[in-house]
Amino acid sequence: VVVTVLDYDKIGKNDAIGKVFIGLNSTGTEQRHWSDTLANPRRPIAQWHALKPEEDIDAELSKK
């Protein structure tokens, strides 16, 4: 799952602030969040994540 956070502009375009990748091939807290979610399918698992630059996530995903 890739979550992209955008700013909102009434005039102009909405720009990406950052991204976070949560899934099987993620690392760190993102991997732990994914594992916790799969281990508890009927329970919501809330977790804060730091956004990463869009280019870093896109590069990471292109390797896989």
N, C-alpha and C. Protein backbone atom coordinates (compact mmCIF):
# COMPACT_ATOMS: atom_id res chain seq x y z
N VAL A 1 0.86 -1.16 0.00
CA VAL A 1 0.00 0.00 0.00
C VAL A 1 0.91 1.22 0.00
N VAL A 2 0.68 2.12 -0.93
CA VAL A 2 1.42 3.38 -0.98
C VAL A 2 0.43 4.50 -0.69
N VAL A 3 0.72 5.30 0.32
CA VAL A 3 -0.11 6.43 0.68
C VAL A 3 0.64 7.69 0.28
N THR A 4 -0.01 8.52 -0.55
CA THR A 4 0.57 9.79 -0.97
C THR A 4 -0.23 10.91 -0.32
N VAL A 5 0.45 11.83 0.35
CA VAL A 5 -0.19 12.97 0.99
C VAL A 5 0.03 14.19 0.09
N LEU A 6 -1.08 14.85 -0.27
CA LEU A 6 -1.03 16.02 -1.14
C LEU A 6 -1.48 17.25 -0.38
N ASP A 7 -0.92 18.41 -0.76
CA ASP A 7 -1.46 19.65 -0.22
C ASP A 7 -2.66 20.03 -1.09
N TYR A 8 -3.50 20.91 -0.59
CA TYR A 8 -4.70 21.30 -1.32
C TYR A 8 -4.57 22.76 -1.75
N ASP A 9 -4.68 22.99 -3.04
CA ASP A 9 -4.64 24.35 -3.58
C ASP A 9 -5.92 24.62 -4.35
N LYS A 10 -6.61 25.72 -4.01
CA LYS A 10 -7.82 26.08 -4.77
C LYS A 10 -7.44 26.54 -6.17
N ILE A 11 -6.31 27.23 -6.26
CA ILE A 11 -5.81 27.69 -7.55
C ILE A 11 -4.46 27.02 -7.76
N GLY A 12 -4.28 26.42 -8.91
CA GLY A 12 -3.03 25.71 -9.18
C GLY A 12 -3.22 24.22 -8.98
N LYS A 13 -2.12 23.52 -8.85
CA LYS A 13 -2.21 22.07 -8.70
C LYS A 13 -1.86 21.64 -7.28
N ASN A 14 -2.37 20.50 -6.89
CA ASN A 14 -2.05 19.92 -5.59
C ASN A 14 -0.71 19.22 -5.69
N ASP A 15 0.22 19.56 -4.82
CA ASP A 15 1.56 19.00 -4.85
C ASP A 15 1.70 17.91 -3.80
N ALA A 16 2.49 16.89 -4.12
CA ALA A 16 2.75 15.81 -3.17
C ALA A 16 3.66 16.33 -2.06
N ILE A 17 3.26 16.07 -0.81
CA ILE A 17 4.08 16.44 0.34
C ILE A 17 5.05 15.31 0.65
N GLY A 18 4.59 14.07 0.51
CA GLY A 18 5.43 12.91 0.78
C GLY A 18 4.64 11.63 0.63
N LYS A 19 5.32 10.51 0.78
CA LYS A 19 4.71 9.19 0.63
C LYS A 19 5.17 8.27 1.74
N VAL A 20 4.39 7.22 1.95
CA VAL A 20 4.78 6.14 2.85
C VAL A 20 4.36 4.84 2.18
N PHE A 21 5.21 3.82 2.27
CA PHE A 21 4.96 2.51 1.68
C PHE A 21 4.83 1.49 2.80
N ILE A 22 3.67 0.86 2.88
CA ILE A 22 3.39 -0.15 3.91
C ILE A 22 3.06 -1.44 3.19
N GLY A 23 3.82 -2.50 3.45
CA GLY A 23 3.54 -3.76 2.80
C GLY A 23 4.59 -4.81 3.06
N LEU A 24 4.48 -5.89 2.33
CA LEU A 24 5.36 -7.03 2.51
C LEU A 24 6.83 -6.68 2.36
N ASN A 25 7.16 -5.85 1.38
CA ASN A 25 8.56 -5.52 1.11
C ASN A 25 9.01 -4.22 1.77
N SER A 26 8.22 -3.68 2.68
CA SER A 26 8.63 -2.46 3.37
C SER A 26 9.61 -2.80 4.49
N THR A 27 10.12 -1.78 5.16
CA THR A 27 11.09 -1.99 6.25
C THR A 27 10.69 -1.15 7.45
N GLY A 28 11.30 -1.43 8.59
CA GLY A 28 11.12 -0.63 9.79
C GLY A 28 9.70 -0.64 10.33
N THR A 29 9.24 0.54 10.78
CA THR A 29 7.90 0.63 11.37
C THR A 29 6.80 0.30 10.36
N GLU A 30 7.06 0.57 9.08
CA GLU A 30 6.08 0.25 8.06
C GLU A 30 5.87 -1.27 7.96
N GLN A 31 6.96 -2.02 8.03
CA GLN A 31 6.88 -3.49 7.99
C GLN A 31 6.16 -4.02 9.24
N ARG A 32 6.48 -3.44 10.40
CA ARG A 32 5.84 -3.86 11.65
C ARG A 32 4.34 -3.58 11.60
N HIS A 33 3.95 -2.43 11.07
CA HIS A 33 2.53 -2.09 10.94
C HIS A 33 1.83 -3.10 10.03
N TRP A 34 2.45 -3.45 8.92
CA TRP A 34 1.88 -4.43 7.99
C TRP A 34 1.71 -5.78 8.68
N SER A 35 2.72 -6.22 9.41
CA SER A 35 2.66 -7.51 10.12
C SER A 35 1.56 -7.50 11.18
N ASP A 36 1.46 -6.41 11.94
CA ASP A 36 0.42 -6.30 12.96
C ASP A 36 -0.97 -6.32 12.35
N THR A 37 -1.13 -5.68 11.20
CA THR A 37 -2.42 -5.66 10.52
C THR A 37 -2.81 -7.05 10.05
N LEU A 38 -1.87 -7.79 9.50
CA LEU A 38 -2.17 -9.15 9.04
C LEU A 38 -2.44 -10.09 10.20
N ALA A 39 -1.77 -9.89 11.32
CA ALA A 39 -1.95 -10.75 12.49
C ALA A 39 -3.28 -10.50 13.20
N ASN A 40 -3.89 -9.33 12.96
CA ASN A 40 -5.15 -8.95 13.62
C ASN A 40 -6.14 -8.44 12.57
N PRO A 41 -6.67 -9.32 11.72
CA PRO A 41 -7.45 -8.89 10.57
C PRO A 41 -8.74 -8.12 10.90
N ARG A 42 -9.33 -8.31 12.05
CA ARG A 42 -10.59 -7.64 12.35
C ARG A 42 -10.43 -6.49 13.34
N ARG A 43 -9.19 -6.15 13.65
CA ARG A 43 -8.92 -5.08 14.61
C ARG A 43 -8.19 -3.93 13.92
N PRO A 44 -8.65 -2.70 14.08
CA PRO A 44 -7.92 -1.58 13.47
C PRO A 44 -6.57 -1.39 14.17
N ILE A 45 -5.55 -1.18 13.40
CA ILE A 45 -4.20 -0.97 13.93
C ILE A 45 -3.78 0.44 13.52
N ALA A 46 -3.71 1.35 14.48
CA ALA A 46 -3.33 2.74 14.20
C ALA A 46 -1.84 2.90 14.42
N GLN A 47 -1.19 3.62 13.53
CA GLN A 47 0.26 3.83 13.62
C GLN A 47 0.61 5.11 12.87
N TRP A 48 1.40 5.97 13.50
CA TRP A 48 1.92 7.15 12.82
C TRP A 48 3.13 6.75 11.99
N HIS A 49 3.27 7.38 10.82
CA HIS A 49 4.43 7.13 9.96
C HIS A 49 4.99 8.47 9.49
N ALA A 50 6.29 8.54 9.40
CA ALA A 50 6.94 9.73 8.85
C ALA A 50 6.88 9.64 7.32
N LEU A 51 6.50 10.74 6.69
CA LEU A 51 6.48 10.77 5.23
C LEU A 51 7.89 10.82 4.70
N LYS A 52 8.08 10.17 3.57
CA LYS A 52 9.39 10.18 2.91
C LYS A 52 9.23 10.91 1.58
N PRO A 53 10.32 11.42 1.03
CA PRO A 53 10.23 12.09 -0.27
C PRO A 53 9.66 11.14 -1.33
N GLU A 54 8.87 11.70 -2.21
CA GLU A 54 8.21 10.93 -3.27
C GLU A 54 9.22 10.13 -4.09
N GLU A 55 10.37 10.74 -4.39
CA GLU A 55 11.38 10.09 -5.22
C GLU A 55 11.96 8.85 -4.53
N ASP A 56 12.13 8.91 -3.21
CA ASP A 56 12.69 7.78 -2.47
C ASP A 56 11.77 6.56 -2.53
N ILE A 57 10.48 6.78 -2.34
CA ILE A 57 9.52 5.68 -2.39
C ILE A 57 9.42 5.12 -3.79
N ASP A 58 9.38 6.00 -4.80
CA ASP A 58 9.31 5.54 -6.19
C ASP A 58 10.54 4.72 -6.56
N ALA A 59 11.72 5.14 -6.11
CA ALA A 59 12.95 4.39 -6.38
C ALA A 59 12.93 3.03 -5.68
N GLU A 60 12.44 3.01 -4.44
CA GLU A 60 12.35 1.77 -3.69
C GLU A 60 11.40 0.77 -4.36
N LEU A 61 10.29 1.27 -4.86
CA LEU A 61 9.31 0.39 -5.51
C LEU A 61 9.80 -0.10 -6.87
N SER A 62 10.59 0.70 -7.56
CA SER A 62 11.07 0.28 -8.89
C SER A 62 12.10 -0.85 -8.77
N LYS A 63 12.75 -1.00 -7.61
CA LYS A 63 13.72 -2.08 -7.40
C LYS A 63 13.04 -3.42 -7.24
N LYS A 64 11.78 -3.43 -6.82
CA LYS A 64 11.10 -4.67 -6.48
C LYS A 64 10.30 -5.22 -7.62
